[in-house]
């Protein structure tokens, strides 16, 4: 599941290329910085990424998740910092939904 989620995130990042001044450099793989001090996305691009990932997850897994929850926004380490942290966040949310 993790690989599938990571693929969804990379596809969503790639889908933002047409609206970004400079495409996100994904050569770092799962450690690609997305948002924050090292991040390559501004707040509007992050919102677009979140919507794209939520839609793709629902289509792929049949699960409706909310990435930008109060819990996510107040986390010590942002789940939006990198592809790896966002992947972990999405996998956790899918797992929580399965156990609900």
C-alpha atoms as a PDB file:
ATOM      1  CA  UNK A   1       0.000   0.000   0.000  1.00  0.00           C
ATOM      2  CA  UNK A   2       2.832   2.385   0.840  1.00  0.00           C
ATOM      3  CA  UNK A   3       4.254   2.204  -2.695  1.00  0.00           C
ATOM      4  CA  UNK A   4       0.830   2.851  -4.204  1.00  0.00           C
ATOM      5  CA  UNK A   5       0.284   5.872  -1.945  1.00  0.00           C
ATOM      6  CA  UNK A   6       3.740   7.221  -2.761  1.00  0.00           C
ATOM      7  CA  UNK A   7       2.945   6.839  -6.458  1.00  0.00           C
ATOM      8  CA  UNK A   8      -0.276   8.794  -5.969  1.00  0.00           C
ATOM      9  CA  UNK A   9       1.664  11.596  -4.276  1.00  0.00           C
ATOM     10  CA  UNK A  10       4.331  11.752  -6.991  1.00  0.00           C
ATOM     11  CA  UNK A  11       1.598  11.825  -9.655  1.00  0.00           C
ATOM     12  CA  UNK A  12      -0.150  14.671  -7.817  1.00  0.00           C
ATOM     13  CA  UNK A  13       3.131  16.601  -7.538  1.00  0.00           C
ATOM     14  CA  UNK A  14       3.762  16.050 -11.246  1.00  0.00           C
ATOM     15  CA  UNK A  15       0.245  17.286 -11.975  1.00  0.00           C
ATOM     16  CA  UNK A  16       1.127  20.623 -10.369  1.00  0.00           C
ATOM     17  CA  UNK A  17       3.976  21.260 -12.820  1.00  0.00           C
ATOM     18  CA  UNK A  18       1.829  23.359 -15.154  1.00  0.00           C
ATOM     19  CA  UNK A  19       0.888  25.851 -12.419  1.00  0.00           C
ATOM     20  CA  UNK A  20       4.275  26.198 -10.736  1.00  0.00           C
ATOM     21  CA  UNK A  21       6.906  28.717 -11.785  1.00  0.00           C
ATOM     22  CA  UNK A  22       9.440  25.918 -11.415  1.00  0.00           C
ATOM     23  CA  UNK A  23       8.479  22.213 -11.290  1.00  0.00           C
ATOM     24  CA  UNK A  24       9.198  20.340  -8.063  1.00  0.00           C
ATOM     25  CA  UNK A  25      12.563  18.589  -8.229  1.00  0.00           C
ATOM     26  CA  UNK A  26      11.781  14.993  -7.235  1.00  0.00           C
ATOM     27  CA  UNK A  27      15.307  13.617  -7.669  1.00  0.00           C
ATOM     28  CA  UNK A  28      15.516  13.056  -3.902  1.00  0.00           C
ATOM     29  CA  UNK A  29      12.763  10.441  -4.196  1.00  0.00           C
ATOM     30  CA  UNK A  30      10.714   9.985  -1.050  1.00  0.00           C
ATOM     31  CA  UNK A  31      12.829  12.593   0.734  1.00  0.00           C
ATOM     32  CA  UNK A  32      11.707  15.277  -1.733  1.00  0.00           C
ATOM     33  CA  UNK A  33      10.872  18.395   0.295  1.00  0.00           C
ATOM     34  CA  UNK A  34       7.348  19.644  -0.329  1.00  0.00           C
ATOM     35  CA  UNK A  35       6.361  22.323   2.174  1.00  0.00           C
ATOM     36  CA  UNK A  36       8.069  24.268   4.944  1.00  0.00           C
ATOM     37  CA  UNK A  37      11.558  25.699   5.258  1.00  0.00           C
ATOM     38  CA  UNK A  38      13.047  23.297   2.705  1.00  0.00           C
ATOM     39  CA  UNK A  39       9.830  22.919   0.721  1.00  0.00           C
ATOM     40  CA  UNK A  40       9.252  23.696  -2.920  1.00  0.00           C
ATOM     41  CA  UNK A  41       5.503  24.437  -2.695  1.00  0.00           C
ATOM     42  CA  UNK A  42       3.764  27.628  -1.612  1.00  0.00           C
ATOM     43  CA  UNK A  43       0.522  27.487   0.359  1.00  0.00           C
ATOM     44  CA  UNK A  44      -1.736  27.579  -2.717  1.00  0.00           C
ATOM     45  CA  UNK A  45       0.203  24.759  -4.368  1.00  0.00           C
ATOM     46  CA  UNK A  46      -0.022  22.755  -1.148  1.00  0.00           C
ATOM     47  CA  UNK A  47      -3.813  23.129  -1.132  1.00  0.00           C
ATOM     48  CA  UNK A  48      -3.932  21.880  -4.736  1.00  0.00           C
ATOM     49  CA  UNK A  49      -1.710  18.939  -3.821  1.00  0.00           C
ATOM     50  CA  UNK A  50      -3.901  18.037  -0.841  1.00  0.00           C
ATOM     51  CA  UNK A  51      -7.070  18.054  -2.953  1.00  0.00           C
ATOM     52  CA  UNK A  52      -5.430  15.957  -5.686  1.00  0.00           C
ATOM     53  CA  UNK A  53      -4.126  13.384  -3.214  1.00  0.00           C
ATOM     54  CA  UNK A  54      -7.460  13.141  -1.361  1.00  0.00           C
ATOM     55  CA  UNK A  55      -9.313  12.564  -4.650  1.00  0.00           C
ATOM     56  CA  UNK A  56      -6.792   9.999  -5.907  1.00  0.00           C
ATOM     57  CA  UNK A  57      -6.842   8.093  -2.600  1.00  0.00           C
ATOM     58  CA  UNK A  58     -10.627   7.914  -2.673  1.00  0.00           C
ATOM     59  CA  UNK A  59     -10.523   6.646  -6.257  1.00  0.00           C
ATOM     60  CA  UNK A  60      -7.753   4.100  -5.596  1.00  0.00           C
ATOM     61  CA  UNK A  61      -8.802   2.819  -2.162  1.00  0.00           C
ATOM     62  CA  UNK A  62     -12.476   3.759  -1.870  1.00  0.00           C
ATOM     63  CA  UNK A  63     -11.674   5.725   1.286  1.00  0.00           C
ATOM     64  CA  UNK A  64     -12.461   9.404   1.851  1.00  0.00           C
ATOM     65  CA  UNK A  65      -9.700  10.990   3.933  1.00  0.00           C
ATOM     66  CA  UNK A  66      -9.055  14.540   5.139  1.00  0.00           C
ATOM     67  CA  UNK A  67      -5.360  15.397   5.014  1.00  0.00           C
ATOM     68  CA  UNK A  68      -5.527  18.915   6.458  1.00  0.00           C
ATOM     69  CA  UNK A  69      -7.115  18.048   9.797  1.00  0.00           C
ATOM     70  CA  UNK A  70      -6.544  19.872  13.069  1.00  0.00           C
ATOM     71  CA  UNK A  71      -4.344  16.967  14.158  1.00  0.00           C
ATOM     72  CA  UNK A  72      -2.170  17.280  11.043  1.00  0.00           C
ATOM     73  CA  UNK A  73      -1.877  21.045  11.310  1.00  0.00           C
ATOM     74  CA  UNK A  74      -0.839  20.919  14.973  1.00  0.00           C
ATOM     75  CA  UNK A  75       1.675  18.082  14.608  1.00  0.00           C
ATOM     76  CA  UNK A  76       5.216  18.811  15.773  1.00  0.00           C
ATOM     77  CA  UNK A  77       6.538  17.617  12.435  1.00  0.00           C
ATOM     78  CA  UNK A  78       4.390  18.594   9.486  1.00  0.00           C
ATOM     79  CA  UNK A  79       3.047  15.666   7.474  1.00  0.00           C
ATOM     80  CA  UNK A  80       3.427  17.936   4.431  1.00  0.00           C
ATOM     81  CA  UNK A  81       7.189  18.430   4.795  1.00  0.00           C
ATOM     82  CA  UNK A  82       8.228  15.692   2.367  1.00  0.00           C
ATOM     83  CA  UNK A  83       6.897  12.951   0.138  1.00  0.00           C
ATOM     84  CA  UNK A  84       7.877  10.414   2.826  1.00  0.00           C
ATOM     85  CA  UNK A  85       6.045  12.220   5.642  1.00  0.00           C
ATOM     86  CA  UNK A  86       2.955  12.740   3.492  1.00  0.00           C
ATOM     87  CA  UNK A  87       3.010   9.080   2.444  1.00  0.00           C
ATOM     88  CA  UNK A  88       3.173   8.019   6.101  1.00  0.00           C
ATOM     89  CA  UNK A  89       0.305  10.377   6.970  1.00  0.00           C
ATOM     90  CA  UNK A  90      -1.906   9.053   4.152  1.00  0.00           C
ATOM     91  CA  UNK A  91      -1.174   5.398   5.003  1.00  0.00           C
ATOM     92  CA  UNK A  92      -2.041   6.104   8.660  1.00  0.00           C
ATOM     93  CA  UNK A  93      -5.336   7.755   7.704  1.00  0.00           C
ATOM     94  CA  UNK A  94      -6.289   4.875   5.414  1.00  0.00           C
ATOM     95  CA  UNK A  95      -5.473   2.446   8.241  1.00  0.00           C
ATOM     96  CA  UNK A  96      -7.561   4.415  10.737  1.00  0.00           C
ATOM     97  CA  UNK A  97     -10.481   4.375   8.315  1.00  0.00           C
ATOM     98  CA  UNK A  98     -10.163   0.597   7.894  1.00  0.00           C
ATOM     99  CA  UNK A  99     -10.302   0.089  11.679  1.00  0.00           C
ATOM    100  CA  UNK A 100     -13.224   2.470  12.227  1.00  0.00           C
END
